[in-house]
C-alpha atoms as a PDB file:
ATOM      1  CA  MET A   1      19.712  43.801  40.381  1.00  0.00           C
ATOM      2  CA  ASP A   2      22.302  46.348  41.180  1.00  0.00           C
ATOM      3  CA  LYS A   3      20.598  49.221  39.014  1.00  0.00           C
ATOM      4  CA  ILE A   4      17.126  48.161  40.680  1.00  0.00           C
ATOM      5  CA  GLU A   5      18.424  48.551  43.969  1.00  0.00           C
ATOM      6  CA  ALA A   6      19.933  51.767  43.276  1.00  0.00           C
ATOM      7  CA  LEU A   7      16.880  53.300  41.812  1.00  0.00           C
ATOM      8  CA  LYS A   8      15.241  52.099  45.033  1.00  0.00           C
ATOM      9  CA  GLN A   9      17.695  54.048  47.255  1.00  0.00           C
ATOM     10  CA  GLU A  10      17.323  56.919  44.774  1.00  0.00           C
ATOM     11  CA  LEU A  11      13.343  57.108  45.212  1.00  0.00           C
ATOM     12  CA  GLU A  12      13.943  56.761  48.882  1.00  0.00           C
ATOM     13  CA  GLN A  13      16.118  59.710  49.141  1.00  0.00           C
ATOM     14  CA  THR A  14      13.828  61.681  46.792  1.00  0.00           C
ATOM     15  CA  LYS A  15      10.930  60.813  49.100  1.00  0.00           C
ATOM     16  CA  LEU A  16      12.610  61.694  52.151  1.00  0.00           C
ATOM     17  CA  ALA A  17      14.005  65.083  50.513  1.00  0.00           C
ATOM     18  CA  TYR A  18      10.436  65.905  49.511  1.00  0.00           C
ATOM     19  CA  GLN A  19       9.122  65.167  53.096  1.00  0.00           C
ATOM     20  CA  MET A  20      11.990  67.489  54.593  1.00  0.00           C
ATOM     21  CA  ALA A  21      10.961  70.206  52.252  1.00  0.00           C
ATOM     22  CA  ALA A  22       7.118  69.880  53.084  1.00  0.00           C
ATOM     23  CA  GLN A  23       7.599  69.775  56.799  1.00  0.00           C
ATOM     24  CA  LEU A  24       9.787  72.954  56.637  1.00  0.00           C
ATOM     25  CA  SER A  25       7.455  74.867  54.943  1.00  0.00           C
ATOM     26  CA  GLN A  26       4.717  73.672  57.580  1.00  0.00           C
ATOM     27  CA  PHE A  27       6.913  74.347  60.630  1.00  0.00           C
ATOM     28  CA  LYS A  28       8.193  77.731  59.799  1.00  0.00           C
ATOM     29  CA  SER A  29       5.001  79.116  58.690  1.00  0.00           C
ATOM     30  CA  GLY A  30       3.313  78.253  62.201  1.00  0.00           C
ATOM     31  CA  PHE A  31       6.550  79.150  64.077  1.00  0.00           C
ATOM     32  CA  LEU A  32       5.396  82.214  65.793  1.00  0.00           C
ATOM     33  CA  VAL A  33       1.810  80.886  66.712  1.00  0.00           C
ATOM     34  CA  LYS A  34       3.716  77.799  68.277  1.00  0.00           C
ATOM     35  CA  THR A  35       5.877  79.986  70.211  1.00  0.00           C
ATOM     36  CA  SER A  36       2.967  82.321  71.426  1.00  0.00           C
ATOM     37  CA  HIS A  37       0.773  79.159  72.411  1.00  0.00           C
ATOM     38  CA  GLU A  38       3.652  77.416  74.342  1.00  0.00           C
ATOM     39  CA  LEU A  39       4.634  80.793  76.296  1.00  0.00           C
ATOM     40  CA  ARG A  40       0.737  81.150  77.309  1.00  0.00           C
ATOM     41  CA  SER A  41       1.087  77.775  79.506  1.00  0.00           C
ATOM     42  CA  PRO A  42       3.631  79.229  81.992  1.00  0.00           C
ATOM     43  CA  LEU A  43       1.773  82.957  82.027  1.00  0.00           C
ATOM     44  CA  SER A  44      -1.039  81.048  82.633  1.00  0.00           C
ATOM     45  CA  SER A  45       0.155  79.227  85.845  1.00  0.00           C
ATOM     46  CA  LEU A  46       1.636  82.352  87.108  1.00  0.00           C
ATOM     47  CA  MET A  47      -1.530  84.197  86.550  1.00  0.00           C
ATOM     48  CA  GLY A  48      -3.687  81.579  88.387  1.00  0.00           C
ATOM     49  CA  LEU A  49      -1.038  81.693  91.329  1.00  0.00           C
ATOM     50  CA  HIS A  50      -1.252  85.318  91.630  1.00  0.00           C
ATOM     51  CA  GLN A  51      -5.181  85.088  91.431  1.00  0.00           C
ATOM     52  CA  LEU A  52      -5.286  82.994  94.193  1.00  0.00           C
ATOM     53  CA  ILE A  53      -3.198  85.431  96.511  1.00  0.00           C
ATOM     54  CA  LEU A  54      -5.157  88.570  95.411  1.00  0.00           C
ATOM     55  CA  SER A  55      -8.216  86.825  96.004  1.00  0.00           C
ATOM     56  CA  ASP A  56      -7.461  86.240  99.487  1.00  0.00           C
ATOM     57  CA  LEU A  57      -7.798  82.610  99.080  1.00  0.00           C
ATOM     58  CA  CYS A  58      -4.785  81.867 101.260  1.00  0.00           C
ATOM     59  CA  GLU A  59      -5.528  80.096 104.406  1.00  0.00           C
ATOM     60  CA  SER A  60      -2.070  81.359 106.156  1.00  0.00           C
ATOM     61  CA  PRO A  61       0.898  83.188 105.560  1.00  0.00           C
ATOM     62  CA  GLU A  62       2.932  79.889 105.311  1.00  0.00           C
ATOM     63  CA  GLU A  63       0.512  78.684 102.185  1.00  0.00           C
ATOM     64  CA  GLN A  64       0.864  82.314 100.727  1.00  0.00           C
ATOM     65  CA  ARG A  65       4.533  81.863 100.754  1.00  0.00           C
ATOM     66  CA  GLU A  66       4.330  78.537  99.211  1.00  0.00           C
ATOM     67  CA  PHE A  67       2.120  80.104  96.406  1.00  0.00           C
ATOM     68  CA  ILE A  68       4.914  82.580  95.817  1.00  0.00           C
ATOM     69  CA  ALA A  69       7.433  79.865  95.503  1.00  0.00           C
ATOM     70  CA  GLU A  70       5.443  77.902  93.044  1.00  0.00           C
ATOM     71  CA  ALA A  71       4.817  81.250  90.985  1.00  0.00           C
ATOM     72  CA  TYR A  72       8.654  81.738  91.182  1.00  0.00           C
ATOM     73  CA  GLN A  73       9.462  78.390  89.904  1.00  0.00           C
ATOM     74  CA  ALA A  74       6.889  78.944  86.863  1.00  0.00           C
ATOM     75  CA  ALA A  75       8.678  82.315  86.259  1.00  0.00           C
ATOM     76  CA  GLN A  76      11.938  80.598  86.088  1.00  0.00           C
ATOM     77  CA  LYS A  77      10.775  78.027  83.961  1.00  0.00           C
ATOM     78  CA  LEU A  78       9.354  80.632  81.402  1.00  0.00           C
ATOM     79  CA  MET A  79      12.540  82.509  81.337  1.00  0.00           C
ATOM     80  CA  ASN A  80      14.555  79.408  80.461  1.00  0.00           C
ATOM     81  CA  MET A  81      11.976  78.818  77.691  1.00  0.00           C
ATOM     82  CA  ILE A  82      12.224  82.080  76.129  1.00  0.00           C
ATOM     83  CA  ASP A  83      16.137  82.116  76.475  1.00  0.00           C
ATOM     84  CA  GLU A  84      16.112  78.670  74.485  1.00  0.00           C
ATOM     85  CA  ILE A  85      14.065  80.151  71.860  1.00  0.00           C
ATOM     86  CA  MET A  86      15.841  83.453  71.758  1.00  0.00           C
ATOM     87  CA  THR A  87      19.200  81.615  71.148  1.00  0.00           C
ATOM     88  CA  VAL A  88      18.049  79.775  68.190  1.00  0.00           C
ATOM     89  CA  SER A  89      16.621  82.697  66.749  1.00  0.00           C
ATOM     90  CA  LYS A  90      19.741  84.649  67.304  1.00  0.00           C
ATOM     91  CA  ILE A  91      21.798  81.853  65.678  1.00  0.00           C
ATOM     92  CA  GLU A  92      19.174  81.855  62.620  1.00  0.00           C
ATOM     93  CA  TYR A  93      19.694  85.650  61.927  1.00  0.00           C
ATOM     94  CA  GLY A  94      23.481  85.554  62.415  1.00  0.00           C
ATOM     95  CA  LYS A  95      23.479  87.193  65.869  1.00  0.00           C
ATOM     96  CA  ILE A  96      25.306  84.172  67.204  1.00  0.00           C
ATOM     97  CA  THR A  97      27.854  82.557  64.954  1.00  0.00           C
ATOM     98  CA  LEU A  98      28.283  78.712  64.742  1.00  0.00           C
ATOM     99  CA  GLN A  99      31.886  77.142  65.083  1.00  0.00           C
ATOM    100  CA  ASN A 100      31.595  74.249  62.578  1.00  0.00           C
ATOM    101  CA  GLN A 101      34.630  71.920  63.140  1.00  0.00           C
ATOM    102  CA  VAL A 102      35.523  68.252  62.243  1.00  0.00           C
ATOM    103  CA  ILE A 103      33.915  66.056  64.974  1.00  0.00           C
ATOM    104  CA  PRO A 104      34.338  62.204  65.484  1.00  0.00           C
ATOM    105  CA  LEU A 105      30.410  60.945  65.286  1.00  0.00           C
ATOM    106  CA  ALA A 106      31.406  58.324  67.764  1.00  0.00           C
ATOM    107  CA  ARG A 107      32.469  60.781  70.379  1.00  0.00           C
ATOM    108  CA  VAL A 108      29.252  62.585  70.059  1.00  0.00           C
ATOM    109  CA  PHE A 109      27.260  59.397  70.434  1.00  0.00           C
ATOM    110  CA  SER A 110      29.339  58.477  73.688  1.00  0.00           C
ATOM    111  CA  GLN A 111      28.226  61.846  75.367  1.00  0.00           C
ATOM    112  CA  LEU A 112      24.812  61.693  74.024  1.00  0.00           C
ATOM    113  CA  HIS A 113      24.562  58.332  75.947  1.00  0.00           C
ATOM    114  CA  GLU A 114      26.047  59.392  79.081  1.00  0.00           C
ATOM    115  CA  LEU A 115      23.360  62.291  78.963  1.00  0.00           C
ATOM    116  CA  THR A 116      20.380  60.591  78.444  1.00  0.00           C
ATOM    117  CA  HIS A 117      20.335  56.944  79.694  1.00  0.00           C
ATOM    118  CA  LEU A 118      19.689  57.478  82.850  1.00  0.00           C
ATOM    119  CA  GLN A 119      16.555  59.692  82.402  1.00  0.00           C
ATOM    120  CA  ALA A 120      15.573  56.968  80.016  1.00  0.00           C
ATOM    121  CA  THR A 121      16.160  54.179  82.639  1.00  0.00           C
ATOM    122  CA  ASN A 122      14.010  56.156  85.148  1.00  0.00           C
ATOM    123  CA  ARG A 123      11.135  55.847  82.543  1.00  0.00           C
ATOM    124  CA  SER A 124      11.666  52.184  81.734  1.00  0.00           C
ATOM    125  CA  LEU A 125      13.444  53.064  78.415  1.00  0.00           C
ATOM    126  CA  THR A 126      16.650  52.139  77.100  1.00  0.00           C
ATOM    127  CA  VAL A 127      18.922  54.013  74.448  1.00  0.00           C
ATOM    128  CA  THR A 128      20.579  52.101  72.120  1.00  0.00           C
ATOM    129  CA  ILE A 129      23.049  53.500  70.081  1.00  0.00           C
ATOM    130  CA  ILE A 130      24.242  51.009  67.125  1.00  0.00           C
ATOM    131  CA  PRO A 131      27.981  51.519  66.966  1.00  0.00           C
ATOM    132  CA  LEU A 132      29.859  52.673  63.759  1.00  0.00           C
ATOM    133  CA  GLU A 133      31.475  50.026  61.606  1.00  0.00           C
ATOM    134  CA  SER A 134      34.078  52.933  60.823  1.00  0.00           C
ATOM    135  CA  GLU A 135      34.993  56.166  62.152  1.00  0.00           C
ATOM    136  CA  VAL A 136      32.806  58.943  60.735  1.00  0.00           C
ATOM    137  CA  TYR A 137      33.648  62.693  61.122  1.00  0.00           C
ATOM    138  CA  ILE A 138      30.910  65.333  60.514  1.00  0.00           C
ATOM    139  CA  LYS A 139      31.407  68.879  60.140  1.00  0.00           C
ATOM    140  CA  ALA A 140      28.974  70.813  62.675  1.00  0.00           C
ATOM    141  CA  ASP A 141      29.309  72.923  65.864  1.00  0.00           C
ATOM    142  CA  SER A 142      30.180  70.553  68.452  1.00  0.00           C
ATOM    143  CA  GLN A 143      28.246  71.877  71.503  1.00  0.00           C
ATOM    144  CA  ARG A 144      25.166  72.900  69.545  1.00  0.00           C
ATOM    145  CA  PHE A 145      25.066  69.617  67.567  1.00  0.00           C
ATOM    146  CA  LEU A 146      25.308  67.484  70.764  1.00  0.00           C
ATOM    147  CA  GLN A 147      22.675  70.037  72.288  1.00  0.00           C
ATOM    148  CA  ALA A 148      20.234  69.365  69.556  1.00  0.00           C
ATOM    149  CA  LEU A 149      20.589  65.323  69.681  1.00  0.00           C
ATOM    150  CA  VAL A 150      20.015  65.654  73.478  1.00  0.00           C
ATOM    151  CA  THR A 151      17.145  67.720  72.995  1.00  0.00           C
ATOM    152  CA  LEU A 152      15.410  65.450  70.538  1.00  0.00           C
ATOM    153  CA  VAL A 153      15.956  62.308  72.907  1.00  0.00           C
ATOM    154  CA  ASP A 154      14.744  64.094  75.702  1.00  0.00           C
ATOM    155  CA  ALA A 155      11.784  65.071  73.811  1.00  0.00           C
ATOM    156  CA  GLY A 156      11.376  61.415  72.835  1.00  0.00           C
ATOM    157  CA  ILE A 157      11.795  60.345  76.385  1.00  0.00           C
ATOM    158  CA  THR A 158       9.130  62.625  77.779  1.00  0.00           C
ATOM    159  CA  ILE A 159       6.176  61.361  75.503  1.00  0.00           C
ATOM    160  CA  ALA A 160       7.396  57.606  75.634  1.00  0.00           C
ATOM    161  CA  GLN A 161       5.835  55.096  78.124  1.00  0.00           C
ATOM    162  CA  SER A 162       8.235  52.370  77.689  1.00  0.00           C
ATOM    163  CA  GLY A 163      10.293  50.521  75.285  1.00  0.00           C
ATOM    164  CA  LYS A 164      13.756  51.358  73.216  1.00  0.00           C
ATOM    165  CA  ILE A 165      15.020  54.236  71.504  1.00  0.00           C
ATOM    166  CA  THR A 166      17.320  53.149  68.720  1.00  0.00           C
ATOM    167  CA  ILE A 167      19.992  55.563  67.072  1.00  0.00           C
ATOM    168  CA  SER A 168      21.915  54.400  64.010  1.00  0.00           C
ATOM    169  CA  THR A 169      23.833  55.966  61.132  1.00  0.00           C
ATOM    170  CA  ASN A 170      23.638  55.450  57.455  1.00  0.00           C
ATOM    171  CA  LEU A 171      26.461  56.517  55.065  1.00  0.00           C
ATOM    172  CA  GLN A 172      25.025  56.856  51.278  1.00  0.00           C
ATOM    173  CA  GLN A 173      27.661  56.136  48.561  1.00  0.00           C
ATOM    174  CA  GLY A 174      28.660  59.118  46.806  1.00  0.00           C
ATOM    175  CA  LYS A 175      26.626  61.340  49.286  1.00  0.00           C
ATOM    176  CA  ASN A 176      28.435  64.003  51.392  1.00  0.00           C
ATOM    177  CA  TYR A 177      26.297  63.737  54.480  1.00  0.00           C
ATOM    178  CA  ALA A 178      25.662  61.163  57.298  1.00  0.00           C
ATOM    179  CA  GLN A 179      22.248  60.176  58.123  1.00  0.00           C
ATOM    180  CA  ILE A 180      21.331  59.679  61.705  1.00  0.00           C
ATOM    181  CA  ASN A 181      18.152  57.672  62.385  1.00  0.00           C
ATOM    182  CA  LEU A 182      16.205  58.052  65.677  1.00  0.00           C
ATOM    183  CA  ASN A 183      13.589  55.773  66.341  1.00  0.00           C
ATOM    184  CA  PHE A 184      11.107  56.359  69.207  1.00  0.00           C
ATOM    185  CA  PRO A 185       8.430  54.103  70.428  1.00  0.00           C
ATOM    186  CA  ASN A 186       5.663  56.740  70.206  1.00  0.00           C
ATOM    187  CA  SER A 187       3.199  57.760  68.046  1.00  0.00           C
ATOM    188  CA  PHE A 188       3.678  60.298  65.220  1.00  0.00           C
ATOM    189  CA  GLU A 189       0.741  62.718  66.579  1.00  0.00           C
ATOM    190  CA  LEU A 190       2.387  62.941  69.816  1.00  0.00           C
ATOM    191  CA  TRP A 191       5.406  65.114  68.055  1.00  0.00           C
ATOM    192  CA  GLN A 192       2.907  67.505  66.848  1.00  0.00           C
ATOM    193  CA  ALA A 193       0.449  67.890  69.394  1.00  0.00           C
ATOM    194  CA  GLU A 194      -0.352  71.277  70.985  1.00  0.00           C
ATOM    195  CA  LYS A 195       0.334  72.374  74.472  1.00  0.00           C
ATOM    196  CA  VAL A 196      -2.751  72.379  76.651  1.00  0.00           C
ATOM    197  CA  SER A 197      -4.277  75.680  77.732  1.00  0.00           C
ATOM    198  CA  TYR A 198      -4.720  76.360  81.475  1.00  0.00           C
ATOM    199  CA  ASP A 199      -8.214  76.830  82.434  1.00  0.00           C
ATOM    200  CA  LEU A 200      -8.293  79.983  84.901  1.00  0.00           C
ATOM    201  CA  THR A 201     -11.541  79.240  86.147  1.00  0.00           C
ATOM    202  CA  GLN A 202     -10.544  76.055  87.900  1.00  0.00           C
ATOM    203  CA  VAL A 203      -8.103  77.769  90.596  1.00  0.00           C
ATOM    204  CA  SER A 204      -6.740  75.444  93.267  1.00  0.00           C
ATOM    205  CA  LEU A 205      -3.240  75.011  94.707  1.00  0.00           C
ATOM    206  CA  GLU A 206      -3.067  71.253  93.688  1.00  0.00           C
ATOM    207  CA  SER A 207      -4.083  72.161  90.028  1.00  0.00           C
ATOM    208  CA  ILE A 208      -1.723  74.858  89.647  1.00  0.00           C
ATOM    209  CA  LYS A 209       1.158  72.948  91.191  1.00  0.00           C
ATOM    210  CA  ALA A 210       0.789  69.842  88.769  1.00  0.00           C
ATOM    211  CA  PHE A 211       0.236  72.330  85.989  1.00  0.00           C
ATOM    212  CA  SER A 212       3.556  74.267  86.642  1.00  0.00           C
ATOM    213  CA  HIS A 213       5.551  71.129  87.126  1.00  0.00           C
ATOM    214  CA  GLN A 214       4.475  70.142  83.687  1.00  0.00           C
ATOM    215  CA  VAL A 215       5.651  73.410  82.179  1.00  0.00           C
ATOM    216  CA  ASP A 216       8.155  72.982  79.417  1.00  0.00           C
ATOM    217  CA  ILE A 217       8.740  73.258  75.549  1.00  0.00           C
ATOM    218  CA  SER A 218       6.431  70.777  73.696  1.00  0.00           C
ATOM    219  CA  PRO A 219       8.262  67.950  71.725  1.00  0.00           C
ATOM    220  CA  GLY A 220       6.997  69.847  68.444  1.00  0.00           C
ATOM    221  CA  LEU A 221       8.383  72.956  69.309  1.00  0.00           C
ATOM    222  CA  LYS A 222      11.639  71.459  70.706  1.00  0.00           C
ATOM    223  CA  PHE A 223      11.821  69.516  67.312  1.00  0.00           C
ATOM    224  CA  LEU A 224      11.408  72.880  65.246  1.00  0.00           C
ATOM    225  CA  LEU A 225      14.262  74.653  67.215  1.00  0.00           C
ATOM    226  CA  CYS A 226      16.506  71.715  66.411  1.00  0.00           C
ATOM    227  CA  GLN A 227      15.393  71.748  62.795  1.00  0.00           C
ATOM    228  CA  THR A 228      16.503  75.473  62.608  1.00  0.00           C
ATOM    229  CA  LEU A 229      19.400  74.703  64.621  1.00  0.00           C
ATOM    230  CA  LEU A 230      20.677  72.004  62.364  1.00  0.00           C
ATOM    231  CA  GLU A 231      19.988  73.867  59.223  1.00  0.00           C
ATOM    232  CA  LYS A 232      22.499  76.435  60.336  1.00  0.00           C
ATOM    233  CA  MET A 233      24.990  73.600  60.215  1.00  0.00           C
ATOM    234  CA  GLY A 234      24.220  72.697  56.655  1.00  0.00           C
ATOM    235  CA  GLY A 235      21.796  69.913  57.852  1.00  0.00           C
ATOM    236  CA  GLN A 236      18.346  68.920  57.875  1.00  0.00           C
ATOM    237  CA  LEU A 237      15.912  67.107  60.096  1.00  0.00           C
ATOM    238  CA  THR A 238      12.256  65.473  59.472  1.00  0.00           C
ATOM    239  CA  LEU A 239       9.631  63.262  60.936  1.00  0.00           C
ATOM    240  CA  ILE A 240       8.569  60.024  59.684  1.00  0.00           C
ATOM    241  CA  ASP A 241       5.627  57.633  60.881  1.00  0.00           C
ATOM    242  CA  LEU A 242       6.733  54.152  60.808  1.00  0.00           C
ATOM    243  CA  SER A 243       3.760  52.694  62.702  1.00  0.00           C
ATOM    244  CA  SER A 244       2.227  51.054  59.699  1.00  0.00           C
ATOM    245  CA  SER A 245       5.484  49.000  59.110  1.00  0.00           C
ATOM    246  CA  ASN A 246       6.018  48.254  62.663  1.00  0.00           C
ATOM    247  CA  ASP A 247       3.216  45.606  63.254  1.00  0.00           C
ATOM    248  CA  SER A 248       0.940  48.632  64.186  1.00  0.00           C
ATOM    249  CA  LYS A 249       3.071  49.363  67.324  1.00  0.00           C
ATOM    250  CA  PRO A 250       3.617  53.236  67.461  1.00  0.00           C
ATOM    251  CA  LEU A 251       6.999  54.145  65.833  1.00  0.00           C
ATOM    252  CA  THR A 252       8.387  57.363  64.932  1.00  0.00           C
ATOM    253  CA  GLN A 253      11.617  57.996  63.185  1.00  0.00           C
ATOM    254  CA  LEU A 254      13.544  61.393  63.057  1.00  0.00           C
ATOM    255  CA  VAL A 255      15.780  61.423  60.282  1.00  0.00           C
ATOM    256  CA  LEU A 256      18.754  63.696  60.558  1.00  0.00           C
ATOM    257  CA  LEU A 257      21.161  64.732  58.014  1.00  0.00           C
ATOM    258  CA  ILE A 258      24.420  66.632  58.812  1.00  0.00           C
ATOM    259  CA  PRO A 259      27.457  67.038  56.407  1.00  0.00           C
ATOM    260  CA  LEU A 260      30.410  64.905  56.449  1.00  0.00           C
ATOM    261  CA  ALA A 261      33.902  66.432  56.958  1.00  0.00           C
ATOM    262  CA  SER A 262      36.183  66.316  53.764  1.00  0.00           C
ATOM    263  CA  ASP A 263      39.086  63.710  53.656  1.00  0.00           C
ATOM    264  CA  GLN A 264      41.373  66.725  53.261  1.00  0.00           C
ATOM    265  CA  GLU A 265      39.727  68.225  56.633  1.00  0.00           C
ATOM    266  CA  VAL A 266      40.050  64.973  58.471  1.00  0.00           C
ATOM    267  CA  ASP A 267      43.624  64.427  57.611  1.00  0.00           C
ATOM    268  CA  TYR A 268      44.268  68.009  58.673  1.00  0.00           C
ATOM    269  CA  LEU A 269      42.692  67.245  62.205  1.00  0.00           C
ATOM    270  CA  GLU A 270      44.727  64.132  62.476  1.00  0.00           C
ATOM    271  CA  GLU A 271      47.934  65.909  62.066  1.00  0.00           C
ATOM    272  CA  ASP A 272      47.041  68.477  64.547  1.00  0.00           C
ATOM    273  CA  GLU A 273      46.325  65.693  67.175  1.00  0.00           C
END
């Protein structure tokens, strides 16, 4: 029986590795297209607002200032999106060096819960992090690793209606990485949905306001950016559709692999402390 269980685990790990390789190839090939499409949204919002002003459709100077204020907010969001994409690109090409170090995973989870649980509560969601049975130390850039986890949870919260987000950790015997599973109560398709393009023929203050307030990086591109970031730390990230095994309720699992710190590195850390 032990041999059968070991074979099953090995089969699951092989399947997971295949899915990761396939998704990596798919996402990488469409990165430029996805990024260009994402940046069209805030640009379209800006063009729509300026079109209203240039067409003398403002009813008063106050309304014109309101349009300009909306355009400025859209421009800020656009800059933030570009900055986020550029930072990950610089890390990928070595212009920004990651500071990988030994980190207790429990501390990262504590920070993650603190940074995300209020946002989840506001959307009728709960974030449950299953506690580790023993202390686990990983090797990663502390700031960037936490940033990736927060970004992924934030993306899941954005597209979920209600339910529970569960985060757990598995340690495979003989493996040199920790497997972090993030379960989200939303469909697999929502993580791959494209941004909706803005129709410049339908111009009104209300429609542009509504659109500019929704401007953000899509869950799909956030996933890709985090995937790229984690790869530079020696990790991996993939998406798995678990809806069929969840009584047909939507359930998507993000599987994150991150290197474990060696015993020698952990001992050295404890000596310093």
